[in-house]
């Protein structure tokens, strides 16, 4: 059985968390990002391992296979050249006159861009319009699915990714191409995006597309899936939508990231007074109802992104559930995330995952499984695993102190109330005074503590939402079916108790 670590979402008071960019200068953020990146560099070789040779679906043919091999060769060449140029950077500054150095630098950048150009296609792609890939698309006319790729991904790689998503979840997927300039160039761009809040053209295109969908009255749900650097772009999209659109439109969003490099994720409460909670049900009303992050423990990118932001920056705002495959390596979207978690089966066989059965109805072990029964069992092992709740993180969150300026302001505020002989304001679960006696809907017990208690002993299936879309299903339909199953089992249980 797989071991899945689980970091509960931030459910405490809104004044406990803020984005690190609001507290530090861009230069300090850049230096910090560079320092953290250097500490995770030993995991760099593990980005591409283990090599996935089991997945038949990943073995492309014809032109698609040729493009995929060409992209791999191009990325390897870019990585090699960028490494050499990085080594020669300081000697070149010392040895070359200013204008000569500037000219040589421009020439090198131009050469790298020309090498990367064949891998860069249109900004927007759509999953293949093939009934054998996504025959249930028409069953969900009010949904839209958008995918943003990560580092080192060419146009052919993006096409393969969105085709796989379309096949898995039975929806047409729009892909936004986050173009690659090579591994080192992509990592540098990540740092600039995270620390300077710079919106590349890919991010601007994503903002426009998501905004258009959210404003469309025909669209009731927008599922945004992001991988690696795409997580940074997704967090930028969320920031922009929260600024430009009303809460009920942003509430159409669902966000799912894999190996995210993002440093923050916002999800403010939609109504801190109306949200209710109890020790048994820590419900919370948030603007974006579902955010989930999936990461491999020894994947370099999330160790720099989502895992660092949630495990080390305790007062940093990072909304959503975090699922971590213990001791797992690899960063590739299909080979190291989708394959181990969501097996590719022939159409209709997704019920094997939904129903938790490793064998198919016809009794076949692996003849009709594109990934083979081994992959199906691996995925079932993942989804059926009882999560190992990281209770240290919520405890550290509750004991962490806000930034010094905010702490001083709060002390002055509370001291002023007491000096004026006013009744002390009610406190929420984290002992933060509040006019209504609650923040985020939590009063007697801290929100983070409630969530920790509520998630303990549950499986990935019980906590995750994305898997419920497998095979063209919808979470609402599965929930209704589960309710019917429990209702049908209840009389039998009562009869046994009576006997």
Protein backbone atom coordinates (compact mmCIF):
# COMPACT_ATOMS: atom_id res chain seq x y z
CA UNK A 1 0.00 0.00 0.00
CA UNK A 2 1.31 3.43 -0.95
CA UNK A 3 2.21 5.92 1.77
CA UNK A 4 0.60 9.29 1.16
CA UNK A 5 1.48 12.23 3.36
CA UNK A 6 -1.26 14.81 3.69
CA UNK A 7 -0.93 18.46 4.65
CA UNK A 8 -4.30 19.83 5.77
CA UNK A 9 -5.44 23.09 4.17
CA UNK A 10 -5.01 26.38 5.98
CA UNK A 11 -8.26 26.88 7.83
CA UNK A 12 -7.21 29.30 10.56
CA UNK A 13 -7.91 33.00 10.85
CA UNK A 14 -7.39 35.10 7.74
CA UNK A 15 -5.05 37.40 9.66
CA UNK A 16 -2.68 34.48 10.34
CA UNK A 17 -1.52 34.24 6.74
CA UNK A 18 -0.28 36.56 4.02
CA UNK A 19 1.74 36.28 0.81
CA UNK A 20 5.49 36.53 1.33
CA UNK A 21 5.76 39.13 -1.49
CA UNK A 22 3.84 41.57 0.71
CA UNK A 23 6.50 41.34 3.43
CA UNK A 24 9.80 41.20 1.51
CA UNK A 25 11.52 43.19 -1.20
CA UNK A 26 11.85 41.65 -4.70
CA UNK A 27 15.64 41.45 -4.33
CA UNK A 28 15.35 39.60 -1.03
CA UNK A 29 12.82 37.21 -2.57
CA UNK A 30 15.13 36.54 -5.52
CA UNK A 31 18.08 35.79 -3.23
CA UNK A 32 15.93 33.54 -1.07
CA UNK A 33 14.56 31.70 -4.10
CA UNK A 34 18.08 31.19 -5.43
CA UNK A 35 19.24 29.87 -2.06
CA UNK A 36 16.37 27.38 -1.82
CA UNK A 37 16.91 26.32 -5.44
CA UNK A 38 20.56 25.54 -4.71
CA UNK A 39 19.58 23.34 -1.75
CA UNK A 40 17.28 21.19 -3.94
CA UNK A 41 19.70 20.86 -6.88
CA UNK A 42 20.83 17.37 -5.71
CA UNK A 43 17.36 16.19 -6.75
CA UNK A 44 17.88 17.47 -10.33
CA UNK A 45 18.79 14.07 -11.85
CA UNK A 46 15.60 12.59 -10.36
CA UNK A 47 13.39 14.87 -12.49
CA UNK A 48 13.29 12.24 -15.23
CA UNK A 49 13.42 9.02 -13.17
CA UNK A 50 12.10 6.43 -12.90
CA UNK A 51 11.86 5.89 -16.65
CA UNK A 52 8.32 4.76 -17.46
CA UNK A 53 8.42 1.91 -19.94
CA UNK A 54 5.14 0.23 -18.91
CA UNK A 55 2.68 2.73 -20.30
CA UNK A 56 1.64 1.69 -23.79
CA UNK A 57 -0.27 4.93 -24.21
CA UNK A 58 2.94 6.94 -23.80
CA UNK A 59 4.58 5.16 -26.74
CA UNK A 60 3.63 7.59 -29.48
CA UNK A 61 3.75 6.69 -33.14
CA UNK A 62 4.46 8.39 -36.43
CA UNK A 63 4.76 12.17 -36.51
CA UNK A 64 3.86 12.50 -32.82
CA UNK A 65 6.71 10.20 -31.82
CA UNK A 66 9.12 12.07 -34.10
CA UNK A 67 8.13 15.42 -32.56
CA UNK A 68 8.48 14.04 -29.04
CA UNK A 69 12.00 12.75 -29.74
CA UNK A 70 12.88 16.06 -31.39
CA UNK A 71 11.68 17.98 -28.34
CA UNK A 72 13.77 15.77 -26.02
CA UNK A 73 16.89 16.32 -28.12
CA UNK A 74 16.26 20.07 -28.25
CA UNK A 75 15.79 20.30 -24.48
CA UNK A 76 18.98 18.31 -23.87
CA UNK A 77 20.93 20.59 -26.23
CA UNK A 78 19.50 23.74 -24.63
CA UNK A 79 20.32 22.46 -21.15
CA UNK A 80 23.91 21.71 -22.15
CA UNK A 81 24.47 25.07 -23.84
CA UNK A 82 22.88 27.02 -20.98
CA UNK A 83 25.08 25.23 -18.46
CA UNK A 84 28.20 26.08 -20.46
CA UNK A 85 27.15 29.72 -20.82
CA UNK A 86 26.41 29.94 -17.09
CA UNK A 87 29.92 28.66 -16.30
CA UNK A 88 31.47 31.18 -18.71
CA UNK A 89 29.32 34.10 -17.52
CA UNK A 90 31.62 35.54 -14.83
CA UNK A 91 34.88 35.03 -16.82
CA UNK A 92 33.22 36.77 -19.80
CA UNK A 93 32.27 39.78 -17.66
CA UNK A 94 35.86 40.10 -16.48
CA UNK A 95 37.55 39.51 -19.82
CA UNK A 96 35.31 41.28 -22.34
CA UNK A 97 34.74 45.04 -22.71
CA UNK A 98 31.25 46.21 -21.81
CA UNK A 99 29.84 46.65 -25.32
CA UNK A 100 31.45 43.44 -26.56
CA UNK A 101 30.01 41.48 -23.63
CA UNK A 102 26.59 42.98 -24.29
CA UNK A 103 26.76 42.01 -27.96
CA UNK A 104 27.95 38.47 -27.22
CA UNK A 105 25.18 38.02 -24.64
CA UNK A 106 22.52 39.09 -27.16
CA UNK A 107 23.97 36.73 -29.75
CA UNK A 108 23.88 33.80 -27.31
CA UNK A 109 20.27 34.56 -26.38
CA UNK A 110 19.33 34.72 -30.07
CA UNK A 111 21.01 31.36 -30.77
CA UNK A 112 19.20 29.71 -27.84
CA UNK A 113 15.86 31.08 -29.03
CA UNK A 114 16.47 29.81 -32.56
CA UNK A 115 17.27 26.35 -31.20
CA UNK A 116 14.05 26.36 -29.11
CA UNK A 117 11.87 27.74 -31.90
CA UNK A 118 10.93 24.37 -33.54
CA UNK A 119 9.35 23.18 -30.27
CA UNK A 120 7.11 26.23 -29.95
CA UNK A 121 3.71 25.98 -31.59
CA UNK A 122 0.45 27.89 -31.11
CA UNK A 123 -0.35 29.51 -27.78
CA UNK A 124 -3.63 27.56 -27.57
CA UNK A 125 -4.25 23.90 -28.40
CA UNK A 126 -7.27 21.64 -28.03
CA UNK A 127 -7.39 17.95 -27.20
CA UNK A 128 -7.92 15.67 -30.18
CA UNK A 129 -11.51 15.67 -31.41
CA UNK A 130 -11.64 11.91 -31.57
CA UNK A 131 -14.65 9.90 -30.27
CA UNK A 132 -12.29 7.09 -29.24
CA UNK A 133 -10.46 9.52 -26.94
CA UNK A 134 -13.21 11.67 -25.43
CA UNK A 135 -16.63 10.24 -26.33
CA UNK A 136 -18.38 11.67 -23.26
CA UNK A 137 -17.46 15.31 -23.88
CA UNK A 138 -20.99 16.23 -24.93
CA UNK A 139 -22.37 14.94 -21.62
CA UNK A 140 -20.91 17.97 -19.80
CA UNK A 141 -21.77 21.03 -21.92
CA UNK A 142 -21.59 23.41 -18.95
CA UNK A 143 -18.02 22.49 -18.00
CA UNK A 144 -14.75 23.84 -19.35
CA UNK A 145 -11.33 22.29 -18.74
CA UNK A 146 -8.06 24.21 -19.11
CA UNK A 147 -4.50 22.89 -18.73
CA UNK A 148 -1.25 24.87 -18.33
CA UNK A 149 1.96 22.91 -18.89
CA UNK A 150 5.22 23.12 -16.98
CA UNK A 151 8.92 23.45 -17.73
CA UNK A 152 10.70 21.89 -20.70
CA UNK A 153 7.49 21.14 -22.60
CA UNK A 154 7.19 21.62 -26.33
CA UNK A 155 4.02 21.95 -28.36
CA UNK A 156 3.91 18.21 -29.04
CA UNK A 157 4.29 17.50 -25.32
CA UNK A 158 1.39 19.81 -24.50
CA UNK A 159 -0.76 18.08 -27.11
CA UNK A 160 0.03 14.68 -25.59
CA UNK A 161 -0.79 15.99 -22.10
CA UNK A 162 -4.19 17.41 -22.98
CA UNK A 163 -5.07 14.32 -25.03
CA UNK A 164 -4.30 12.18 -21.98
CA UNK A 165 -6.42 14.41 -19.73
CA UNK A 166 -9.27 14.29 -22.24
CA UNK A 167 -9.08 10.51 -22.37
CA UNK A 168 -8.95 10.14 -18.59
CA UNK A 169 -11.75 12.53 -17.68
CA UNK A 170 -13.95 12.47 -20.78
CA UNK A 171 -13.88 16.20 -21.44
CA UNK A 172 -12.38 18.35 -24.16
CA UNK A 173 -9.34 20.16 -22.74
CA UNK A 174 -7.96 23.51 -23.84
CA UNK A 175 -4.18 23.69 -23.45
CA UNK A 176 -2.30 26.95 -22.91
CA UNK A 177 1.28 26.56 -24.07
CA UNK A 178 3.77 27.80 -21.52
CA UNK A 179 6.68 27.91 -23.96
CA UNK A 180 10.08 26.57 -22.92
CA UNK A 181 13.52 28.06 -23.45
CA UNK A 182 15.42 25.21 -21.80
CA UNK A 183 15.70 23.99 -18.21
CA UNK A 184 17.83 26.83 -16.82
CA UNK A 185 15.91 29.49 -18.73
CA UNK A 186 12.63 28.09 -17.44
CA UNK A 187 13.86 28.06 -13.83
CA UNK A 188 15.03 31.67 -14.19
CA UNK A 189 11.64 32.62 -15.59
CA UNK A 190 9.99 30.89 -12.62
CA UNK A 191 12.03 33.03 -10.22
CA UNK A 192 11.11 36.22 -12.06
CA UNK A 193 7.42 35.27 -12.04
CA UNK A 194 7.43 34.34 -8.35
CA UNK A 195 9.48 37.24 -7.03
CA UNK A 196 8.67 40.12 -9.40
CA UNK A 197 5.07 39.10 -10.17
CA UNK A 198 5.93 39.33 -13.86
CA UNK A 199 3.17 38.02 -16.11
CA UNK A 200 4.64 36.42 -19.21
CA UNK A 201 2.59 36.25 -22.40
CA UNK A 202 1.48 32.74 -21.40
CA UNK A 203 0.11 34.09 -18.11
CA UNK A 204 -1.70 36.93 -19.89
CA UNK A 205 -3.31 34.52 -22.34
CA UNK A 206 -4.36 32.29 -19.44
CA UNK A 207 -5.94 35.24 -17.59
CA UNK A 208 -7.96 36.26 -20.64
CA UNK A 209 -9.21 32.73 -21.36
CA UNK A 210 -10.16 31.98 -17.75
CA UNK A 211 -11.88 35.34 -17.37
CA UNK A 212 -13.88 34.79 -20.54
CA UNK A 213 -15.04 31.37 -19.35
CA UNK A 214 -15.93 32.58 -15.86
CA UNK A 215 -17.99 35.45 -17.27
CA UNK A 216 -19.86 33.14 -19.66
CA UNK A 217 -23.30 32.42 -18.20
CA UNK A 218 -23.39 29.08 -20.00
CA UNK A 219 -20.35 27.88 -18.04
CA UNK A 220 -21.15 26.52 -14.59
CA UNK A 221 -17.76 24.96 -13.78
CA UNK A 222 -14.19 25.68 -14.90
CA UNK A 223 -11.58 23.06 -14.00
CA UNK A 224 -8.02 24.45 -14.16
CA UNK A 225 -5.24 21.83 -14.17
CA UNK A 226 -1.61 22.93 -13.96
CA UNK A 227 1.77 21.23 -13.89
CA UNK A 228 5.09 22.57 -12.58
CA UNK A 229 5.59 26.18 -13.75
CA UNK A 230 1.96 26.11 -14.79
CA UNK A 231 1.17 26.23 -11.07
CA UNK A 232 2.81 29.67 -10.87
CA UNK A 233 0.68 30.85 -13.80
CA UNK A 234 -2.43 29.36 -12.19
CA UNK A 235 -1.74 31.28 -8.96
CA UNK A 236 -1.36 34.48 -11.02
CA UNK A 237 -4.67 33.75 -12.73
CA UNK A 238 -6.38 33.34 -9.35
CA UNK A 239 -4.94 36.66 -8.11
CA UNK A 240 -6.18 38.42 -11.24
CA UNK A 241 -9.66 36.87 -11.13
CA UNK A 242 -10.12 37.74 -7.44
CA UNK A 243 -9.30 41.33 -8.35
CA UNK A 244 -11.45 41.67 -11.47
CA UNK A 245 -14.49 39.42 -10.98
CA UNK A 246 -17.19 39.03 -8.31
CA UNK A 247 -16.94 36.08 -5.93
CA UNK A 248 -19.80 34.10 -7.49
CA UNK A 249 -17.94 34.02 -10.83
CA UNK A 250 -14.60 33.04 -9.32
CA UNK A 251 -16.51 30.37 -7.40
CA UNK A 252 -16.93 28.42 -10.65
CA UNK A 253 -13.22 27.53 -10.47
CA UNK A 254 -11.74 24.22 -9.38
CA UNK A 255 -7.93 24.01 -9.33
CA UNK A 256 -5.71 20.91 -9.42
CA UNK A 257 -1.91 21.18 -9.59
CA UNK A 258 0.83 18.57 -10.04
CA UNK A 259 4.42 19.24 -8.97
CA UNK A 260 3.54 22.92 -8.54
CA UNK A 261 6.31 25.53 -8.49
CA UNK A 262 3.99 28.25 -7.19
CA UNK A 263 4.96 30.12 -4.02
CA UNK A 264 1.41 31.03 -2.96
CA UNK A 265 -2.27 30.34 -3.64
CA UNK A 266 -5.08 32.63 -2.57
CA UNK A 267 -8.57 31.48 -1.64
CA UNK A 268 -10.29 34.03 0.61
CA UNK A 269 -13.43 33.18 2.59
CA UNK A 270 -16.58 34.19 0.77
CA UNK A 271 -18.31 35.05 4.04
CA UNK A 272 -16.52 34.79 7.39
CA UNK A 273 -19.75 35.31 9.34
CA UNK A 274 -21.91 32.77 7.52
CA UNK A 275 -19.31 30.00 7.49
CA UNK A 276 -20.01 27.46 10.21
CA UNK A 277 -17.91 24.76 11.80
CA UNK A 278 -17.90 22.22 14.58
CA UNK A 279 -15.49 19.69 15.98
CA UNK A 280 -17.00 17.02 13.73
CA UNK A 281 -17.47 19.10 10.59
CA UNK A 282 -14.92 21.85 9.88
CA UNK A 283 -16.85 23.25 6.92
CA UNK A 284 -15.68 26.54 5.52
CA UNK A 285 -17.09 28.75 2.82
CA UNK A 286 -14.31 29.81 0.49
CA UNK A 287 -14.41 31.63 -2.80
CA UNK A 288 -12.82 28.73 -4.73
CA UNK A 289 -14.51 25.58 -3.41
CA UNK A 290 -11.87 23.00 -4.42
CA UNK A 291 -8.07 23.32 -4.64
CA UNK A 292 -5.82 20.25 -4.59
CA UNK A 293 -2.06 19.89 -4.98
CA UNK A 294 -0.29 16.62 -5.83
CA UNK A 295 3.48 16.27 -5.34
CA UNK A 296 6.21 13.62 -5.27
CA UNK A 297 8.39 13.90 -2.18
CA UNK A 298 11.72 13.86 -4.04
CA UNK A 299 10.63 15.94 -7.00
CA UNK A 300 12.90 19.00 -7.09
CA UNK A 301 10.29 21.46 -8.37
CA UNK A 302 7.63 21.08 -5.62
CA UNK A 303 10.40 20.96 -2.99
CA UNK A 304 11.13 24.48 -4.24
CA UNK A 305 7.45 25.32 -4.71
CA UNK A 306 4.41 23.86 -2.96
CA UNK A 307 6.29 21.76 -0.38
CA UNK A 308 8.60 24.58 0.64
CA UNK A 309 5.73 27.08 0.75
CA UNK A 310 3.50 24.89 2.92
CA UNK A 311 6.08 23.17 5.16
CA UNK A 312 8.60 25.97 5.73
CA UNK A 313 6.73 29.26 5.24
CA UNK A 314 4.09 28.69 7.90
CA UNK A 315 2.46 32.13 7.66
CA UNK A 316 2.47 32.11 3.86
CA UNK A 317 -0.93 31.84 2.19
CA UNK A 318 -1.17 28.53 0.29
CA UNK A 319 -4.73 27.29 0.00
CA UNK A 320 -5.78 23.72 -0.73
CA UNK A 321 -5.19 20.07 0.16
CA UNK A 322 -1.64 18.78 -0.41
CA UNK A 323 -1.10 15.09 -1.25
CA UNK A 324 2.53 13.87 -1.20
CA UNK A 325 3.66 10.47 -2.51
CA UNK A 326 6.20 9.39 0.07
CA UNK A 327 9.71 8.76 -1.33
CA UNK A 328 8.45 9.10 -4.92
CA UNK A 329 10.65 10.71 -7.57
CA UNK A 330 10.12 12.19 -11.03
CA UNK A 331 8.58 15.36 -12.39
CA UNK A 332 7.09 14.38 -15.77
CA UNK A 333 3.37 15.07 -15.89
CA UNK A 334 2.21 11.80 -17.45
CA UNK A 335 4.91 9.32 -16.43
CA UNK A 336 5.35 10.40 -12.81
CA UNK A 337 1.99 11.88 -11.85
CA UNK A 338 -0.94 10.77 -13.99
CA UNK A 339 0.21 7.18 -14.55
CA UNK A 340 0.76 6.26 -10.88
CA UNK A 341 -2.40 8.05 -9.69
CA UNK A 342 -4.95 7.78 -12.51
CA UNK A 343 -4.47 4.65 -14.65
CA UNK A 344 -5.26 4.76 -18.36
CA UNK A 345 -7.82 2.12 -19.25
CA UNK A 346 -10.02 1.48 -22.22
CA UNK A 347 -13.24 3.45 -22.29
CA UNK A 348 -15.61 2.17 -19.63
CA UNK A 349 -12.92 0.45 -17.57
CA UNK A 350 -12.45 3.55 -15.42
CA UNK A 351 -15.15 2.02 -13.22
CA UNK A 352 -12.41 -0.26 -11.92
CA UNK A 353 -10.96 2.76 -10.16
CA UNK A 354 -14.25 4.40 -9.26
CA UNK A 355 -15.51 1.15 -7.71
CA UNK A 356 -12.11 0.20 -6.29
CA UNK A 357 -11.80 -3.11 -8.15
CA UNK A 358 -8.48 -4.19 -9.61
CA UNK A 359 -10.05 -6.82 -11.86
CA UNK A 360 -12.51 -5.94 -14.59
CA UNK A 361 -16.05 -7.21 -14.83
CA UNK A 362 -15.07 -9.71 -17.53
CA UNK A 363 -12.45 -11.23 -15.28
CA UNK A 364 -9.51 -10.14 -17.40
CA UNK A 365 -6.40 -9.21 -15.48
CA UNK A 366 -4.67 -6.94 -17.93
CA UNK A 367 -5.72 -7.62 -21.51
CA UNK A 368 -7.91 -4.54 -21.78
CA UNK A 369 -5.73 -2.19 -19.73
CA UNK A 370 -3.43 0.10 -21.65
CA UNK A 371 -1.25 0.51 -18.59
CA UNK A 372 -1.41 -3.11 -17.56
CA UNK A 373 -2.93 -4.35 -14.33
CA UNK A 374 0.22 -3.39 -12.42
CA UNK A 375 -0.45 0.30 -13.01
CA UNK A 376 -4.11 -0.12 -12.09
CA UNK A 377 -3.18 -1.77 -8.81
CA UNK A 378 -0.64 1.00 -8.15
CA UNK A 379 -3.32 3.63 -8.66
CA UNK A 380 -5.80 1.78 -6.47
CA UNK A 381 -3.08 1.51 -3.84
CA UNK A 382 -2.70 5.29 -4.03
CA UNK A 383 -6.40 6.15 -3.90
CA UNK A 384 -7.23 3.60 -1.19
CA UNK A 385 -4.29 4.57 1.04
CA UNK A 386 -5.12 6.06 4.42
CA UNK A 387 -3.37 9.41 4.48
CA UNK A 388 -0.59 10.09 6.94
CA UNK A 389 -1.68 13.48 8.25
CA UNK A 390 1.27 15.76 8.93
CA UNK A 391 0.00 17.01 12.29
CA UNK A 392 3.24 18.92 12.88
CA UNK A 393 2.35 21.50 10.23
CA UNK A 394 -1.01 22.58 11.78
CA UNK A 395 0.66 22.67 15.21
CA UNK A 396 3.46 24.90 13.91
CA UNK A 397 0.89 27.10 12.17
CA UNK A 398 -0.99 27.63 15.43
CA UNK A 399 2.22 28.41 17.31
CA UNK A 400 3.74 30.63 14.63
CA UNK A 401 3.69 34.38 15.07
CA UNK A 402 2.72 36.90 12.41
CA UNK A 403 5.31 39.29 10.93
CA UNK A 404 6.65 41.79 13.45
CA UNK A 405 4.84 44.92 12.19
CA UNK A 406 1.48 43.13 12.28
CA UNK A 407 2.17 41.68 15.73
CA UNK A 408 2.99 45.15 17.08
CA UNK A 409 -0.18 46.62 15.59
CA UNK A 410 -2.30 43.90 17.17
CA UNK A 411 -0.68 44.40 20.55
CA UNK A 412 -1.38 48.12 20.36
CA UNK A 413 -4.96 47.49 19.29
CA UNK A 414 -5.68 45.07 22.12
CA UNK A 415 -3.85 47.23 24.68
CA UNK A 416 -5.88 50.26 23.62
CA UNK A 417 -9.14 48.40 24.13
CA UNK A 418 -8.18 47.35 27.64
CA UNK A 419 -6.89 50.79 28.64
CA UNK A 420 -10.19 52.32 27.55
CA UNK A 421 -11.97 49.82 29.82
CA UNK A 422 -13.71 48.23 26.86
CA UNK A 423 -14.80 44.64 26.97
CA UNK A 424 -12.16 42.49 25.26
CA UNK A 425 -13.26 41.48 21.79
CA UNK A 426 -14.28 37.85 21.29
CA UNK A 427 -11.52 35.65 19.96
CA UNK A 428 -11.45 33.03 17.26
CA UNK A 429 -9.75 29.66 17.48
CA UNK A 430 -6.28 31.16 17.07
CA UNK A 431 -6.87 33.71 19.84
CA UNK A 432 -7.10 36.60 17.38
CA UNK A 433 -9.62 39.28 18.46
CA UNK A 434 -12.47 39.77 16.02
CA UNK A 435 -15.57 41.91 16.08
CA UNK A 436 -17.82 38.95 15.29
CA UNK A 437 -16.01 36.46 17.49
CA UNK A 438 -14.96 34.39 14.49
CA UNK A 439 -12.72 34.56 11.47
CA UNK A 440 -13.28 32.10 8.64
CA UNK A 441 -16.19 30.80 10.67
CA UNK A 442 -14.14 29.28 13.48
CA UNK A 443 -14.62 30.24 17.10
CA UNK A 444 -14.07 27.74 19.92
CA UNK A 445 -11.39 25.59 18.31
CA UNK A 446 -8.68 26.61 15.85
CA UNK A 447 -9.58 25.95 12.23
CA UNK A 448 -6.31 24.20 11.48
CA UNK A 449 -6.83 21.89 14.47
CA UNK A 450 -10.35 21.07 13.28
CA UNK A 451 -9.17 20.17 9.81
CA UNK A 452 -6.36 18.02 11.21
CA UNK A 453 -8.88 16.07 13.30
CA UNK A 454 -11.37 15.73 10.44
CA UNK A 455 -8.86 14.32 7.94
CA UNK A 456 -7.22 11.78 10.23
CA UNK A 457 -7.99 8.19 9.27
CA UNK A 458 -9.39 9.04 5.83
CA UNK A 459 -8.23 7.73 2.47
CA UNK A 460 -7.09 9.68 -0.56
CA UNK A 461 -10.39 8.78 -2.20
CA UNK A 462 -12.33 10.37 0.64
CA UNK A 463 -10.30 13.59 0.57
CA UNK A 464 -9.59 13.97 -3.14
CA UNK A 465 -12.11 15.25 -5.66
CA UNK A 466 -10.28 15.02 -9.00
CA UNK A 467 -10.42 11.22 -9.27
CA UNK A 468 -14.23 11.44 -9.25
CA UNK A 469 -14.11 12.84 -12.79
CA UNK A 470 -12.50 9.66 -14.19
CA UNK A 471 -14.16 8.14 -17.23
CA UNK A 472 -16.49 11.08 -17.79
CA UNK A 473 -18.06 10.80 -14.34
CA UNK A 474 -18.87 13.80 -12.17
CA UNK A 475 -18.34 14.17 -8.40
CA UNK A 476 -21.99 15.05 -7.92
CA UNK A 477 -23.14 11.83 -9.62
CA UNK A 478 -20.76 9.68 -7.58
CA UNK A 479 -21.88 11.39 -4.38
CA UNK A 480 -25.52 10.65 -5.20
CA UNK A 481 -24.68 7.03 -5.94
CA UNK A 482 -22.75 6.72 -2.66
CA UNK A 483 -25.76 8.11 -0.78
CA UNK A 484 -28.04 5.56 -2.47
CA UNK A 485 -25.65 2.73 -1.65
CA UNK A 486 -25.49 3.75 2.00
CA UNK A 487 -29.29 4.04 2.13
CA UNK A 488 -29.70 0.56 0.63
CA UNK A 489 -27.25 -0.92 3.14
CA UNK A 490 -28.94 0.68 6.16
CA UNK A 491 -32.02 -1.62 6.35
CA UNK A 492 -29.77 -4.68 6.10
CA UNK A 493 -27.61 -3.40 8.96
CA UNK A 494 -30.69 -2.66 11.06
CA UNK A 495 -32.07 -6.15 10.36
CA UNK A 496 -28.81 -7.73 11.51
CA UNK A 497 -28.80 -5.64 14.67
CA UNK A 498 -32.41 -6.74 15.36
CA UNK A 499 -31.49 -10.36 14.88
